[in-house]
Amino acid sequence: QVQLVESGGGLVQGGESLRLSCTATPSISIFRDMAWYRQAPGKQRDLVARVRGPSSTDYADSVKGRFTISRDTGKNTLYLQMNSLQPEDTALYYCKGERPFASPIWGQGTQVTVSS
């Protein structure tokens, strides 16, 4: 069964860092593109960062220079390194994997809360 499981969320103070992980089963290599999204209460789910193919990345303007997305095929894991966190980064963070000719796969989400 194809599955994505996020981890690494938590409660931090403004200015601190967190690293989110998204572990893929059976293999991360089945996903052509992968991405992190986030959804704050009462708001829509928005794209945070995306990696297309092996290494092409793009980011939402609000996180450029602070967040870094990366994929480790040996560990079947997608990461999101988040630095200089701000209260407006508080949200439920989701991992998404896209496969050719198939529906995307979403993880269950991990909560990130940043206090001021």
N, C-alpha and C. Protein backbone atom coordinates (compact mmCIF):
# COMPACT_ATOMS: atom_id res chain seq x y z
N GLN A 1 0.84 -1.19 0.00
CA GLN A 1 0.00 0.00 0.00
C GLN A 1 0.88 1.25 0.00
N VAL A 2 0.58 2.18 -0.88
CA VAL A 2 1.33 3.42 -0.97
C VAL A 2 0.90 4.34 0.16
N GLN A 3 1.87 4.86 0.89
CA GLN A 3 1.55 5.66 2.06
C GLN A 3 2.62 6.71 2.32
N LEU A 4 2.18 7.87 2.82
CA LEU A 4 3.08 8.92 3.26
C LEU A 4 2.76 9.24 4.71
N VAL A 5 3.80 9.31 5.55
CA VAL A 5 3.61 9.59 6.96
C VAL A 5 4.54 10.72 7.37
N GLU A 6 3.92 11.83 7.83
CA GLU A 6 4.69 12.99 8.28
C GLU A 6 5.04 12.87 9.75
N SER A 7 6.13 13.55 10.13
CA SER A 7 6.53 13.65 11.53
C SER A 7 7.40 14.89 11.69
N GLY A 8 7.66 15.26 12.95
CA GLY A 8 8.58 16.35 13.21
C GLY A 8 7.94 17.66 13.63
N GLY A 9 6.62 17.72 13.60
CA GLY A 9 5.95 18.94 14.03
C GLY A 9 6.08 19.14 15.53
N GLY A 10 5.67 20.32 15.97
CA GLY A 10 5.73 20.60 17.39
C GLY A 10 5.47 22.06 17.69
N LEU A 11 5.71 22.42 18.94
CA LEU A 11 5.53 23.79 19.41
C LEU A 11 6.90 24.42 19.61
N VAL A 12 7.14 25.54 18.94
CA VAL A 12 8.40 26.25 19.08
C VAL A 12 8.14 27.74 19.24
N GLN A 13 9.17 28.44 19.64
CA GLN A 13 9.07 29.90 19.75
C GLN A 13 9.51 30.55 18.44
N GLY A 14 9.06 31.76 18.23
CA GLY A 14 9.46 32.49 17.05
C GLY A 14 10.97 32.58 16.93
N GLY A 15 11.48 32.39 15.70
CA GLY A 15 12.90 32.42 15.46
C GLY A 15 13.58 31.07 15.51
N GLU A 16 12.90 30.08 16.04
CA GLU A 16 13.49 28.75 16.14
C GLU A 16 13.27 27.96 14.85
N SER A 17 13.81 26.73 14.86
CA SER A 17 13.76 25.88 13.66
C SER A 17 13.09 24.55 13.95
N LEU A 18 12.58 23.94 12.90
CA LEU A 18 12.04 22.58 12.94
C LEU A 18 12.37 21.92 11.62
N ARG A 19 12.49 20.59 11.66
CA ARG A 19 12.62 19.83 10.42
C ARG A 19 11.49 18.80 10.35
N LEU A 20 10.68 18.92 9.33
CA LEU A 20 9.62 17.96 9.10
C LEU A 20 10.13 16.83 8.21
N SER A 21 9.62 15.64 8.46
CA SER A 21 9.96 14.47 7.65
C SER A 21 8.68 13.85 7.10
N CYS A 22 8.79 13.27 5.93
CA CYS A 22 7.68 12.56 5.30
C CYS A 22 8.25 11.26 4.73
N THR A 23 7.90 10.16 5.37
CA THR A 23 8.44 8.86 4.97
C THR A 23 7.46 8.16 4.04
N ALA A 24 7.97 7.68 2.91
CA ALA A 24 7.15 7.04 1.89
C ALA A 24 7.33 5.53 1.92
N THR A 25 6.22 4.83 1.81
CA THR A 25 6.24 3.38 1.62
C THR A 25 5.43 3.05 0.39
N PRO A 26 5.80 2.09 -0.45
CA PRO A 26 6.99 1.26 -0.30
C PRO A 26 8.29 1.95 -0.66
N SER A 27 8.23 3.03 -1.48
CA SER A 27 9.44 3.70 -1.90
C SER A 27 9.13 5.13 -2.34
N ILE A 28 10.02 6.06 -2.03
CA ILE A 28 9.82 7.44 -2.45
C ILE A 28 10.03 7.59 -3.95
N SER A 29 10.71 6.63 -4.56
CA SER A 29 11.05 6.72 -5.98
C SER A 29 9.84 6.60 -6.89
N ILE A 30 8.71 6.11 -6.36
CA ILE A 30 7.51 6.02 -7.20
C ILE A 30 6.88 7.38 -7.44
N PHE A 31 7.29 8.37 -6.67
CA PHE A 31 6.73 9.71 -6.82
C PHE A 31 7.62 10.54 -7.72
N ARG A 32 7.05 11.10 -8.76
CA ARG A 32 7.81 11.96 -9.65
C ARG A 32 8.08 13.31 -8.98
N ASP A 33 7.03 13.91 -8.44
CA ASP A 33 7.13 15.21 -7.77
C ASP A 33 6.60 15.06 -6.35
N MET A 34 7.15 15.85 -5.43
CA MET A 34 6.68 15.83 -4.06
C MET A 34 6.61 17.26 -3.54
N ALA A 35 5.75 17.46 -2.55
CA ALA A 35 5.54 18.82 -2.08
C ALA A 35 5.09 18.83 -0.63
N TRP A 36 5.27 19.98 -0.02
CA TRP A 36 4.72 20.28 1.31
C TRP A 36 3.66 21.36 1.14
N TYR A 37 2.52 21.13 1.78
CA TYR A 37 1.44 22.10 1.84
C TYR A 37 1.17 22.41 3.31
N ARG A 38 0.45 23.49 3.56
CA ARG A 38 0.02 23.79 4.92
C ARG A 38 -1.36 24.41 4.91
N GLN A 39 -2.05 24.19 6.02
CA GLN A 39 -3.40 24.71 6.16
C GLN A 39 -3.59 25.23 7.57
N ALA A 40 -3.82 26.53 7.67
CA ALA A 40 -4.12 27.15 8.95
C ALA A 40 -5.62 27.08 9.19
N PRO A 41 -6.06 27.16 10.44
CA PRO A 41 -7.50 27.09 10.74
C PRO A 41 -8.29 28.13 9.97
N GLY A 42 -9.35 27.69 9.30
CA GLY A 42 -10.22 28.60 8.57
C GLY A 42 -9.67 29.07 7.25
N LYS A 43 -8.53 28.53 6.83
CA LYS A 43 -7.92 28.94 5.57
C LYS A 43 -7.78 27.76 4.63
N GLN A 44 -7.49 28.05 3.37
CA GLN A 44 -7.31 26.99 2.39
C GLN A 44 -5.92 26.38 2.53
N ARG A 45 -5.78 25.19 1.93
CA ARG A 45 -4.49 24.52 1.94
C ARG A 45 -3.62 25.12 0.84
N ASP A 46 -2.44 25.58 1.23
CA ASP A 46 -1.56 26.28 0.30
C ASP A 46 -0.25 25.54 0.11
N LEU A 47 0.32 25.66 -1.08
CA LEU A 47 1.62 25.09 -1.38
C LEU A 47 2.71 25.86 -0.63
N VAL A 48 3.61 25.12 0.02
CA VAL A 48 4.74 25.72 0.72
C VAL A 48 6.01 25.56 -0.11
N ALA A 49 6.27 24.33 -0.53
CA ALA A 49 7.49 24.04 -1.28
C ALA A 49 7.28 22.77 -2.10
N ARG A 50 7.99 22.69 -3.22
CA ARG A 50 7.82 21.55 -4.11
C ARG A 50 9.17 21.16 -4.69
N VAL A 51 9.37 19.86 -4.86
CA VAL A 51 10.54 19.37 -5.57
C VAL A 51 10.04 18.56 -6.76
N ARG A 52 10.49 18.95 -7.95
CA ARG A 52 10.05 18.29 -9.19
C ARG A 52 11.22 17.48 -9.76
N GLY A 53 10.96 16.22 -10.02
CA GLY A 53 12.04 15.36 -10.47
C GLY A 53 13.07 15.20 -9.37
N PRO A 54 14.33 15.02 -9.74
CA PRO A 54 15.35 14.77 -8.71
C PRO A 54 15.74 15.98 -7.89
N SER A 55 15.64 17.21 -8.47
CA SER A 55 16.22 18.30 -7.68
C SER A 55 15.66 19.70 -7.96
N SER A 56 14.72 19.85 -8.86
CA SER A 56 14.18 21.18 -9.15
C SER A 56 13.20 21.58 -8.06
N THR A 57 13.44 22.74 -7.45
CA THR A 57 12.60 23.16 -6.32
C THR A 57 11.99 24.54 -6.57
N ASP A 58 10.85 24.76 -5.93
CA ASP A 58 10.30 26.11 -5.87
C ASP A 58 9.53 26.26 -4.56
N TYR A 59 9.37 27.54 -4.16
CA TYR A 59 8.86 27.87 -2.84
C TYR A 59 7.81 28.98 -2.92
N ALA A 60 6.93 28.96 -1.93
CA ALA A 60 6.03 30.09 -1.75
C ALA A 60 6.86 31.31 -1.36
N ASP A 61 6.43 32.47 -1.80
CA ASP A 61 7.19 33.69 -1.50
C ASP A 61 7.38 33.89 0.00
N SER A 62 6.39 33.49 0.78
CA SER A 62 6.42 33.73 2.22
C SER A 62 7.49 32.91 2.95
N VAL A 63 8.01 31.87 2.31
CA VAL A 63 9.00 31.01 2.98
C VAL A 63 10.36 31.02 2.30
N LYS A 64 10.48 31.69 1.18
CA LYS A 64 11.76 31.74 0.47
C LYS A 64 12.86 32.28 1.37
N GLY A 65 14.00 31.57 1.35
CA GLY A 65 15.13 31.97 2.18
C GLY A 65 15.08 31.45 3.59
N ARG A 66 13.93 30.90 4.01
CA ARG A 66 13.80 30.35 5.37
C ARG A 66 13.60 28.83 5.36
N PHE A 67 12.89 28.32 4.37
CA PHE A 67 12.57 26.90 4.29
C PHE A 67 13.36 26.24 3.17
N THR A 68 13.71 24.96 3.37
CA THR A 68 14.40 24.20 2.34
C THR A 68 13.77 22.82 2.23
N ILE A 69 13.37 22.45 1.02
CA ILE A 69 12.81 21.12 0.77
C ILE A 69 13.90 20.25 0.17
N SER A 70 13.93 18.98 0.59
CA SER A 70 14.91 18.05 0.05
C SER A 70 14.35 16.64 0.09
N ARG A 71 14.92 15.79 -0.76
CA ARG A 71 14.45 14.40 -0.86
C ARG A 71 15.65 13.48 -0.74
N ASP A 72 15.56 12.50 0.17
CA ASP A 72 16.61 11.49 0.36
C ASP A 72 16.06 10.15 -0.10
N THR A 73 16.46 9.72 -1.30
CA THR A 73 15.90 8.48 -1.82
C THR A 73 16.39 7.27 -1.05
N GLY A 74 17.59 7.34 -0.47
CA GLY A 74 18.10 6.22 0.30
C GLY A 74 17.29 5.96 1.56
N LYS A 75 16.71 7.03 2.12
CA LYS A 75 15.91 6.90 3.34
C LYS A 75 14.42 6.97 3.04
N ASN A 76 14.07 7.05 1.75
CA ASN A 76 12.65 7.14 1.36
C ASN A 76 11.93 8.26 2.09
N THR A 77 12.59 9.38 2.24
CA THR A 77 12.06 10.47 3.06
C THR A 77 12.20 11.82 2.37
N LEU A 78 11.14 12.61 2.49
CA LEU A 78 11.12 14.00 2.06
C LEU A 78 11.23 14.87 3.31
N TYR A 79 12.03 15.93 3.22
CA TYR A 79 12.24 16.80 4.37
C TYR A 79 11.78 18.23 4.06
N LEU A 80 11.47 18.95 5.14
CA LEU A 80 11.27 20.39 5.05
C LEU A 80 11.99 21.00 6.24
N GLN A 81 13.11 21.62 5.97
CA GLN A 81 13.85 22.34 7.01
C GLN A 81 13.27 23.74 7.11
N MET A 82 12.81 24.09 8.29
CA MET A 82 12.16 25.38 8.50
C MET A 82 12.95 26.18 9.52
N ASN A 83 13.52 27.29 9.09
CA ASN A 83 14.29 28.17 9.95
C ASN A 83 13.57 29.49 10.15
N SER A 84 13.97 30.21 11.18
CA SER A 84 13.40 31.53 11.47
C SER A 84 11.87 31.47 11.45
N LEU A 85 11.32 30.51 12.16
CA LEU A 85 9.87 30.33 12.16
C LEU A 85 9.17 31.54 12.77
N GLN A 86 8.01 31.83 12.22
CA GLN A 86 7.20 32.97 12.65
C GLN A 86 5.82 32.48 13.03
N PRO A 87 5.09 33.21 13.87
CA PRO A 87 3.74 32.78 14.25
C PRO A 87 2.84 32.51 13.04
N GLU A 88 3.02 33.24 11.97
CA GLU A 88 2.17 33.03 10.78
C GLU A 88 2.50 31.72 10.05
N ASP A 89 3.55 31.02 10.47
CA ASP A 89 3.84 29.70 9.92
C ASP A 89 3.04 28.61 10.62
N THR A 90 2.32 28.96 11.66
CA THR A 90 1.50 27.99 12.38
C THR A 90 0.43 27.40 11.47
N ALA A 91 0.42 26.06 11.37
CA ALA A 91 -0.50 25.38 10.48
C ALA A 91 -0.33 23.88 10.61
N LEU A 92 -1.24 23.17 9.98
CA LEU A 92 -1.08 21.73 9.80
C LEU A 92 -0.35 21.53 8.48
N TYR A 93 0.78 20.83 8.53
CA TYR A 93 1.63 20.65 7.35
C TYR A 93 1.41 19.25 6.77
N TYR A 94 1.18 19.22 5.45
CA TYR A 94 0.91 17.97 4.75
C TYR A 94 1.98 17.71 3.70
N CYS A 95 2.28 16.44 3.53
CA CYS A 95 3.16 15.98 2.48
C CYS A 95 2.29 15.42 1.34
N LYS A 96 2.71 15.68 0.10
CA LYS A 96 1.97 15.20 -1.06
C LYS A 96 2.94 14.58 -2.05
N GLY A 97 2.57 13.41 -2.59
CA GLY A 97 3.36 12.77 -3.62
C GLY A 97 2.54 12.59 -4.89
N GLU A 98 3.14 12.91 -6.02
CA GLU A 98 2.46 12.80 -7.30
C GLU A 98 3.13 11.74 -8.16
N ARG A 99 2.29 10.88 -8.71
CA ARG A 99 2.77 9.79 -9.56
C ARG A 99 2.19 9.95 -10.95
N PRO A 100 2.92 9.56 -11.97
CA PRO A 100 2.37 9.61 -13.33
C PRO A 100 1.14 8.72 -13.47
N PHE A 101 0.08 9.25 -14.07
CA PHE A 101 -1.13 8.48 -14.40
C PHE A 101 -1.81 7.88 -13.17
N ALA A 102 -1.69 8.54 -12.03
CA ALA A 102 -2.34 8.05 -10.81
C ALA A 102 -2.72 9.24 -9.93
N SER A 103 -3.64 8.98 -9.02
CA SER A 103 -4.05 10.04 -8.10
C SER A 103 -2.92 10.38 -7.15
N PRO A 104 -2.83 11.64 -6.70
CA PRO A 104 -1.80 12.00 -5.72
C PRO A 104 -2.07 11.32 -4.38
N ILE A 105 -1.02 11.18 -3.61
CA ILE A 105 -1.11 10.63 -2.25
C ILE A 105 -0.80 11.73 -1.25
N TRP A 106 -1.63 11.83 -0.23
CA TRP A 106 -1.44 12.81 0.84
C TRP A 106 -1.13 12.08 2.15
N GLY A 107 -0.30 12.71 2.97
CA GLY A 107 -0.12 12.23 4.33
C GLY A 107 -1.22 12.75 5.22
N GLN A 108 -1.13 12.38 6.50
CA GLN A 108 -2.20 12.74 7.45
C GLN A 108 -1.97 14.11 8.08
N GLY A 109 -0.76 14.66 7.93
CA GLY A 109 -0.47 15.99 8.45
C GLY A 109 0.26 15.96 9.78
N THR A 110 1.05 17.00 10.01
CA THR A 110 1.74 17.19 11.29
C THR A 110 1.61 18.66 11.69
N GLN A 111 1.30 18.90 12.94
CA GLN A 111 1.00 20.25 13.41
C GLN A 111 2.28 21.00 13.78
N VAL A 112 2.37 22.22 13.27
CA VAL A 112 3.45 23.14 13.63
C VAL A 112 2.81 24.37 14.28
N THR A 113 3.24 24.67 15.50
CA THR A 113 2.73 25.84 16.20
C THR A 113 3.91 26.71 16.63
N VAL A 114 3.86 27.98 16.25
CA VAL A 114 4.94 28.91 16.56
C VAL A 114 4.39 30.00 17.47
N SER A 115 4.95 30.12 18.64
CA SER A 115 4.50 31.14 19.58
C SER A 115 5.35 32.40 19.43
N SER A 116 4.73 33.52 19.74
CA SER A 116 5.45 34.81 19.59
C SER A 116 6.20 35.17 20.85
